[in-house]
Amino acid sequence: MEFDGSVLIRCTDATKMSKFVFGPHKGAKHKLRMTLHCQKCYVVLGDSFDICGEIKYMDSIMCLRVTDDVAVNDAMERRQKGEMSDCIYSLLNCRGCQSSVGRVIHSAPARLGAVRSIFLLSKADISCYILNSSSMVDASTLKFDVKSLKDSISEVKKQFEEHQDRMSRLKIRLANMNL
């Protein structure tokens, strides 16, 4: 959907949607700030600050936190086959319309160990309101890749070294002023 000044209109232009990429992608025009909504009733389920990536083969967005409008089902389920074989998980439901919007894995084999206790929102059940452009798009049209930990650490190390260098120069200037 797009805001035309008075109403929201669903965005269907594929060229507009192709520029919406969450994370460090070539061709990404701006850093996206967005809210995640239930595709059926548009209740807010989360935002871009808590997104930590996506699992492409499960078509899911990984979130560290979700709003109180996401209910974790008390019943735990176990999958025998497929991408979630040997996993124990609970379904996530929208409190607004009671529809399933994802799952949270409680116990998993080593290959899925990194996503235990992470909220996995199903891209097929989520719409995203892009704050930069006032557009509502289907989550399935977006990529939620994030920087690798190595890249993030390198960036922080570089910033630290720059600050340390600047502090050293300031220390020398202050020492020269006191003479």
Protein backbone atom coordinates (compact mmCIF):
# COMPACT_ATOMS: atom_id res chain seq x y z
CA MET A 1 0.00 0.00 0.00
CA GLU A 2 1.11 3.54 -0.62
CA PHE A 3 0.01 6.69 1.15
CA ASP A 4 -1.24 9.18 -1.43
CA GLY A 5 -1.97 11.91 1.12
CA SER A 6 -5.32 10.62 2.29
CA VAL A 7 -5.55 6.83 1.89
CA LEU A 8 -3.31 3.76 1.79
CA ILE A 9 -3.19 2.01 -1.57
CA ARG A 10 -1.68 -1.50 -1.91
CA CYS A 11 1.62 -1.31 -3.79
CA THR A 12 1.68 -3.68 -6.77
CA ASP A 13 4.40 -2.12 -8.92
CA ALA A 14 7.18 -4.75 -9.04
CA THR A 15 9.84 -2.16 -9.90
CA LYS A 16 8.98 -0.18 -6.78
CA MET A 17 9.10 -3.30 -4.62
CA SER A 18 12.45 -4.45 -6.04
CA LYS A 19 14.23 -1.53 -4.35
CA PHE A 20 12.98 -2.61 -0.93
CA VAL A 21 15.72 -4.71 0.59
CA PHE A 22 16.37 -5.05 4.30
CA GLY A 23 20.06 -5.15 5.09
CA PRO A 24 23.29 -4.63 3.14
CA HIS A 25 22.37 -5.37 -0.47
CA LYS A 26 23.80 -3.96 -3.65
CA GLY A 27 21.18 -1.68 -5.12
CA ALA A 28 19.44 -1.02 -1.80
CA LYS A 29 18.37 2.60 -2.02
CA HIS A 30 17.87 3.27 1.68
CA LYS A 31 18.06 1.59 5.04
CA LEU A 32 14.56 0.28 5.62
CA ARG A 33 12.56 0.97 8.72
CA MET A 34 9.37 -1.04 8.74
CA THR A 35 6.66 -2.56 10.83
CA LEU A 36 5.53 -6.16 10.37
CA HIS A 37 1.77 -6.76 10.18
CA CYS A 38 -0.59 -9.73 10.08
CA GLN A 39 -1.58 -10.03 6.44
CA LYS A 40 -5.23 -10.74 7.34
CA CYS A 41 -6.05 -8.07 9.94
CA TYR A 42 -2.99 -5.73 9.78
CA VAL A 43 -2.25 -5.91 13.51
CA VAL A 44 1.38 -4.88 14.20
CA LEU A 45 3.46 -7.97 15.04
CA GLY A 46 6.97 -6.50 15.13
CA ASP A 47 9.39 -4.03 13.56
CA SER A 48 12.69 -3.87 11.71
CA PHE A 49 14.70 -3.19 14.88
CA ASP A 50 14.13 -6.78 16.03
CA ILE A 51 14.70 -8.54 12.69
CA CYS A 52 17.88 -10.60 12.73
CA GLY A 53 17.64 -12.20 9.28
CA GLU A 54 15.65 -14.77 7.38
CA ILE A 55 15.65 -18.49 6.77
CA LYS A 56 15.10 -18.74 3.04
CA TYR A 57 14.29 -22.46 2.86
CA MET A 58 11.62 -22.02 5.56
CA ASP A 59 10.40 -18.72 4.03
CA SER A 60 10.57 -17.12 7.49
CA ILE A 61 11.72 -13.83 9.00
CA MET A 62 13.80 -14.26 12.17
CA CYS A 63 12.84 -11.83 14.96
CA LEU A 64 14.36 -11.43 18.41
CA ARG A 65 11.13 -9.93 19.76
CA VAL A 66 7.53 -9.53 18.68
CA THR A 67 4.65 -7.43 20.04
CA ASP A 68 2.13 -8.59 22.62
CA ASP A 69 -0.25 -9.16 19.70
CA VAL A 70 1.62 -12.37 18.90
CA ALA A 71 0.48 -15.29 21.04
CA VAL A 72 2.69 -18.34 21.53
CA ASN A 73 0.43 -21.40 21.37
CA ASP A 74 0.70 -23.53 24.54
CA ALA A 75 0.56 -26.77 22.55
CA MET A 76 3.95 -27.98 21.36
CA GLU A 77 4.21 -29.85 18.09
CA ARG A 78 6.82 -32.18 16.66
CA ARG A 79 7.69 -32.51 13.00
CA GLN A 80 8.90 -35.87 11.63
CA LYS A 81 9.71 -34.82 8.06
CA GLY A 82 10.75 -31.78 6.06
CA GLU A 83 12.86 -28.78 6.98
CA MET A 84 11.75 -28.97 10.61
CA SER A 85 12.21 -32.70 11.14
CA ASP A 86 13.04 -33.61 14.74
CA CYS A 87 12.02 -30.12 15.97
CA ILE A 88 9.69 -29.32 18.84
CA TYR A 89 7.97 -25.98 18.27
CA SER A 90 4.92 -23.88 19.08
CA LEU A 91 2.81 -22.00 16.58
CA LEU A 92 2.58 -18.21 16.74
CA ASN A 93 -0.90 -16.76 16.35
CA CYS A 94 -2.12 -13.23 15.72
CA ARG A 95 -4.25 -12.07 18.66
CA GLY A 96 -6.32 -9.91 16.28
CA CYS A 97 -7.67 -12.62 13.99
CA GLN A 98 -6.26 -15.84 15.57
CA SER A 99 -4.52 -16.84 12.34
CA SER A 100 -1.15 -18.58 12.40
CA VAL A 101 1.72 -16.17 11.62
CA GLY A 102 4.74 -18.36 12.34
CA ARG A 103 6.42 -20.54 14.94
CA VAL A 104 9.07 -20.61 17.62
CA ILE A 105 11.40 -23.62 17.90
CA HIS A 106 12.00 -24.94 21.42
CA SER A 107 14.17 -27.93 20.62
CA ALA A 108 16.01 -28.69 17.40
CA PRO A 109 18.90 -30.68 15.98
CA ALA A 110 22.27 -28.93 15.58
CA ARG A 111 21.49 -27.69 12.05
CA LEU A 112 18.72 -25.47 13.48
CA GLY A 113 20.32 -24.79 16.84
CA ALA A 114 20.93 -21.12 16.03
CA VAL A 115 17.21 -20.42 15.69
CA ARG A 116 16.02 -21.94 18.96
CA SER A 117 13.84 -19.44 20.85
CA ILE A 118 13.84 -17.05 17.86
CA PHE A 119 10.44 -15.98 16.54
CA LEU A 120 10.06 -17.23 12.96
CA LEU A 121 7.37 -15.21 11.20
CA SER A 122 6.10 -16.79 8.00
CA LYS A 123 6.68 -14.39 5.10
CA ALA A 124 3.49 -15.64 3.42
CA ASP A 125 1.43 -14.40 6.40
CA ILE A 126 3.15 -11.03 6.90
CA SER A 127 2.82 -7.60 5.30
CA CYS A 128 5.42 -4.88 5.85
CA TYR A 129 4.70 -1.19 6.17
CA ILE A 130 7.79 0.59 4.83
CA LEU A 131 8.17 3.84 6.77
CA ASN A 132 10.59 5.43 4.26
CA SER A 133 8.03 5.28 1.47
CA SER A 134 4.70 4.92 3.30
CA SER A 135 4.09 1.65 1.39
CA MET A 136 2.58 -1.65 2.48
CA VAL A 137 4.15 -4.64 0.70
CA ASP A 138 4.02 -8.40 1.09
CA ALA A 139 6.97 -9.71 3.12
CA SER A 140 7.58 -12.32 0.41
CA THR A 141 8.71 -9.50 -1.93
CA LEU A 142 11.50 -8.44 0.46
CA LYS A 143 14.91 -9.84 1.34
CA PHE A 144 15.91 -9.80 5.00
CA ASP A 145 19.63 -10.52 4.71
CA VAL A 146 21.85 -9.02 7.39
CA LYS A 147 25.58 -8.42 7.67
CA SER A 148 27.71 -11.31 8.77
CA LEU A 149 29.14 -11.14 12.28
CA LYS A 150 32.65 -10.90 10.82
CA ASP A 151 31.69 -7.80 8.79
CA SER A 152 30.04 -6.19 11.83
CA ILE A 153 33.06 -6.86 14.03
CA SER A 154 35.41 -5.45 11.38
CA GLU A 155 33.29 -2.30 11.14
CA VAL A 156 33.27 -1.81 14.94
CA LYS A 157 37.02 -2.45 15.11
CA LYS A 158 37.64 0.19 12.44
CA GLN A 159 35.45 2.72 14.29
CA PHE A 160 37.25 1.94 17.56
CA GLU A 161 40.67 2.46 15.95
CA GLU A 162 39.52 5.78 14.46
CA HIS A 163 38.29 6.96 17.88
CA GLN A 164 41.48 5.79 19.54
CA ASP A 165 43.56 7.69 16.96
CA ARG A 166 41.49 10.84 17.47
CA MET A 167 41.85 10.54 21.26
CA SER A 168 45.63 10.20 20.90
CA ARG A 169 45.78 13.37 18.78
CA LEU A 170 43.62 15.24 21.31
CA LYS A 171 45.85 14.04 24.17
CA ILE A 172 48.94 15.37 22.34
CA ARG A 173 47.21 18.73 21.67
CA LEU A 174 46.20 19.06 25.32
CA ALA A 175 49.73 18.21 26.46
CA ASN A 176 51.13 20.90 24.11
CA MET A 177 48.63 23.48 25.43
CA ASN A 178 49.75 22.92 29.03
CA LEU A 179 53.43 23.60 28.21
